[in-house]
Amino acid sequence: AVGSYMDKQEKALKEELSGSGVKVIREGDKLRLDIPAQLTFDINRSDIRSNLYPVFNDIAKVLRDYEKTMLVVAGHTDDTGPYQYNMNLSKQRADSVKQYLIAQNVQAIRIETQGYGPNYPIVPNSSETNRAQNRRVEIQIEPLISQ
C-alpha cells in the first residue's frame, strides 16, 4: 500500500514539475526533489526567487493532496567562504522553503529542516559549474508508517 501511495505521489509530482528543472528521484519508498539553488536563490541569499513561486506552488499542491508523508527540507552550499557561514546559509535556505510551503497550507508539523552546508557535495567543488550544482535544496518525502 505504501509503495502504491508513493507511486501516485511521484507521478503527480513529475506531472506538476515537468519542465521546471526540479528532479523527482525515487529511492525505495521515499521521493527526493532536487531543486537547484541557482534556480531558487541568489548567491549568498536565503530568500526564494519570485520566479520559483509557481514551482513551489505546484510542489505544495501535490503535498496537500498526499498528506500521509513527512518532509525533510535540506539546504546545501558549495565550499567557498567560511564553513559556519555556509552552515547557517544552508539552514536559512531550508527554513525559507519550509515557510513558503507553510504559507501554501502544507502543515508545519510535517516539515523538518536541515542545513548541511558544504558537507554533502554531489560533485567536486572544482569549478564554478560544479559549485553551482552543489548549491541546492532537496526535499525528502517519506511515507508515514502507521504503527
Protein backbone atom coordinates (compact mmCIF):
# COMPACT_ATOMS: atom_id res chain seq x y z
CA ALA A 1 0.00 0.00 0.00
CA VAL A 2 2.83 2.41 0.85
CA GLY A 3 4.54 1.73 -2.48
CA SER A 4 1.33 2.41 -4.43
CA TYR A 5 0.71 5.64 -2.50
CA MET A 6 4.24 6.84 -3.21
CA ASP A 7 3.91 5.77 -6.89
CA LYS A 8 0.87 8.03 -7.24
CA GLN A 9 2.59 10.92 -5.46
CA GLU A 10 5.70 10.50 -7.64
CA LYS A 11 3.56 10.57 -10.81
CA ALA A 12 1.69 13.68 -9.60
CA LEU A 13 4.96 15.49 -8.77
CA LYS A 14 6.52 14.61 -12.13
CA GLU A 15 3.44 15.91 -13.94
CA GLU A 16 3.28 19.15 -11.93
CA LEU A 17 7.03 19.81 -12.14
CA SER A 18 7.57 18.88 -15.78
CA GLY A 19 9.92 21.41 -17.37
CA SER A 20 10.68 23.20 -14.06
CA GLY A 21 14.28 21.98 -13.62
CA VAL A 22 13.31 20.14 -10.42
CA LYS A 23 14.29 16.46 -10.44
CA VAL A 24 11.93 13.91 -8.85
CA ILE A 25 14.05 10.94 -7.73
CA ARG A 26 12.63 7.69 -6.33
CA GLU A 27 14.67 5.99 -3.60
CA GLY A 28 12.76 2.92 -2.39
CA ASP A 29 9.58 4.16 -0.72
CA LYS A 30 10.97 7.70 -0.49
CA LEU A 31 10.98 10.53 -3.00
CA ARG A 32 13.58 13.26 -3.30
CA LEU A 33 13.05 16.58 -5.03
CA ASP A 34 16.36 18.08 -6.14
CA ILE A 35 15.90 21.83 -6.55
CA PRO A 36 18.99 23.58 -7.95
CA ALA A 37 19.86 26.61 -5.81
CA GLN A 38 20.84 28.65 -8.87
CA LEU A 39 17.16 28.45 -9.80
CA THR A 40 15.94 29.09 -6.27
CA PHE A 41 18.32 31.51 -4.54
CA ASP A 42 20.73 34.28 -5.45
CA ILE A 43 24.31 33.70 -4.26
CA ASN A 44 24.64 34.34 -0.52
CA ARG A 45 20.85 34.79 -0.18
CA SER A 46 18.21 32.67 1.51
CA ASP A 47 15.05 34.30 0.12
CA ILE A 48 13.37 32.31 -2.65
CA ARG A 49 13.41 33.97 -6.07
CA SER A 50 9.91 35.04 -7.06
CA ASN A 51 10.16 33.27 -10.42
CA LEU A 52 10.23 29.98 -8.45
CA TYR A 53 6.97 30.64 -6.59
CA PRO A 54 4.94 28.76 -9.24
CA VAL A 55 7.24 25.71 -8.82
CA PHE A 56 6.83 25.73 -5.04
CA ASN A 57 3.08 26.26 -5.50
CA ASP A 58 3.00 23.10 -7.64
CA ILE A 59 5.02 21.17 -5.03
CA ALA A 60 2.68 22.40 -2.27
CA LYS A 61 -0.39 21.40 -4.29
CA VAL A 62 0.80 17.79 -4.52
CA LEU A 63 1.94 17.74 -0.88
CA ARG A 64 -1.52 18.89 0.23
CA ASP A 65 -3.12 16.10 -1.83
CA TYR A 66 -0.76 13.48 -0.33
CA GLU A 67 -0.70 14.33 3.35
CA LYS A 68 0.39 10.90 4.60
CA THR A 69 4.00 11.93 4.11
CA MET A 70 6.66 13.77 6.11
CA LEU A 71 9.15 16.18 4.55
CA VAL A 72 12.78 16.88 5.29
CA VAL A 73 13.99 20.06 3.57
CA ALA A 74 17.79 20.03 3.30
CA GLY A 75 19.86 23.05 2.32
CA HIS A 76 23.33 22.66 0.77
CA THR A 77 26.08 25.09 -0.24
CA ASP A 78 29.38 24.90 -2.06
CA ASP A 79 32.66 25.06 -0.12
CA THR A 80 33.58 28.71 -0.79
CA GLY A 81 33.53 31.04 2.17
CA PRO A 82 33.66 30.30 5.90
CA TYR A 83 32.29 26.92 6.99
CA GLN A 84 29.96 28.29 9.69
CA TYR A 85 28.58 30.89 7.28
CA ASN A 86 27.71 28.11 4.82
CA MET A 87 26.11 26.01 7.58
CA ASN A 88 23.92 28.96 8.59
CA LEU A 89 23.07 29.85 4.98
CA SER A 90 22.05 26.28 4.13
CA LYS A 91 19.75 26.15 7.18
CA GLN A 92 18.25 29.55 6.32
CA ARG A 93 17.54 28.34 2.78
CA ALA A 94 15.82 25.19 4.07
CA ASP A 95 13.81 27.31 6.52
CA SER A 96 12.76 29.66 3.70
CA VAL A 97 11.39 26.71 1.73
CA LYS A 98 9.59 25.42 4.83
CA GLN A 99 7.99 28.81 5.50
CA TYR A 100 6.91 29.11 1.88
CA LEU A 101 5.30 25.65 1.95
CA ILE A 102 3.52 26.50 5.22
CA ALA A 103 2.20 29.69 3.60
CA GLN A 104 0.79 27.41 0.87
CA ASN A 105 -1.11 25.40 3.52
CA VAL A 106 1.26 22.47 3.92
CA GLN A 107 1.07 21.51 7.60
CA ALA A 108 4.11 22.73 9.56
CA ILE A 109 4.14 19.56 11.67
CA ARG A 110 5.02 17.58 8.53
CA ILE A 111 8.17 19.61 7.71
CA GLU A 112 11.64 19.32 9.24
CA THR A 113 14.64 21.35 8.06
CA GLN A 114 18.36 20.59 7.97
CA GLY A 115 21.32 22.72 6.93
CA TYR A 116 24.24 20.67 5.63
CA GLY A 117 26.42 23.48 4.30
CA PRO A 118 29.23 22.10 2.10
CA ASN A 119 29.25 18.64 3.74
CA TYR A 120 27.45 16.63 1.02
CA PRO A 121 28.53 17.85 -2.43
CA ILE A 122 27.05 15.97 -5.38
CA VAL A 123 30.12 16.81 -7.49
CA PRO A 124 33.64 18.06 -6.53
CA ASN A 125 33.77 21.82 -5.84
CA SER A 126 36.48 22.11 -8.51
CA SER A 127 34.82 24.63 -10.85
CA GLU A 128 32.12 27.30 -10.81
CA THR A 129 29.80 24.96 -12.74
CA ASN A 130 30.26 22.25 -10.11
CA ARG A 131 29.89 24.69 -7.20
CA ALA A 132 26.58 25.86 -8.72
CA GLN A 133 25.34 22.24 -8.72
CA ASN A 134 26.25 21.86 -5.04
CA ARG A 135 24.24 24.96 -4.07
CA ARG A 136 20.85 23.28 -3.82
CA VAL A 137 17.84 22.43 -1.73
CA GLU A 138 16.47 18.90 -1.54
CA ILE A 139 13.07 17.87 -0.24
CA GLN A 140 12.93 14.28 1.00
CA ILE A 141 9.36 12.94 1.07
CA GLU A 142 8.87 9.97 3.36
CA PRO A 143 5.71 7.94 3.95
CA LEU A 144 4.12 7.98 7.39
CA ILE A 145 4.12 4.39 8.56
CA SER A 146 1.32 3.61 10.99
CA GLN A 147 2.39 1.52 13.95
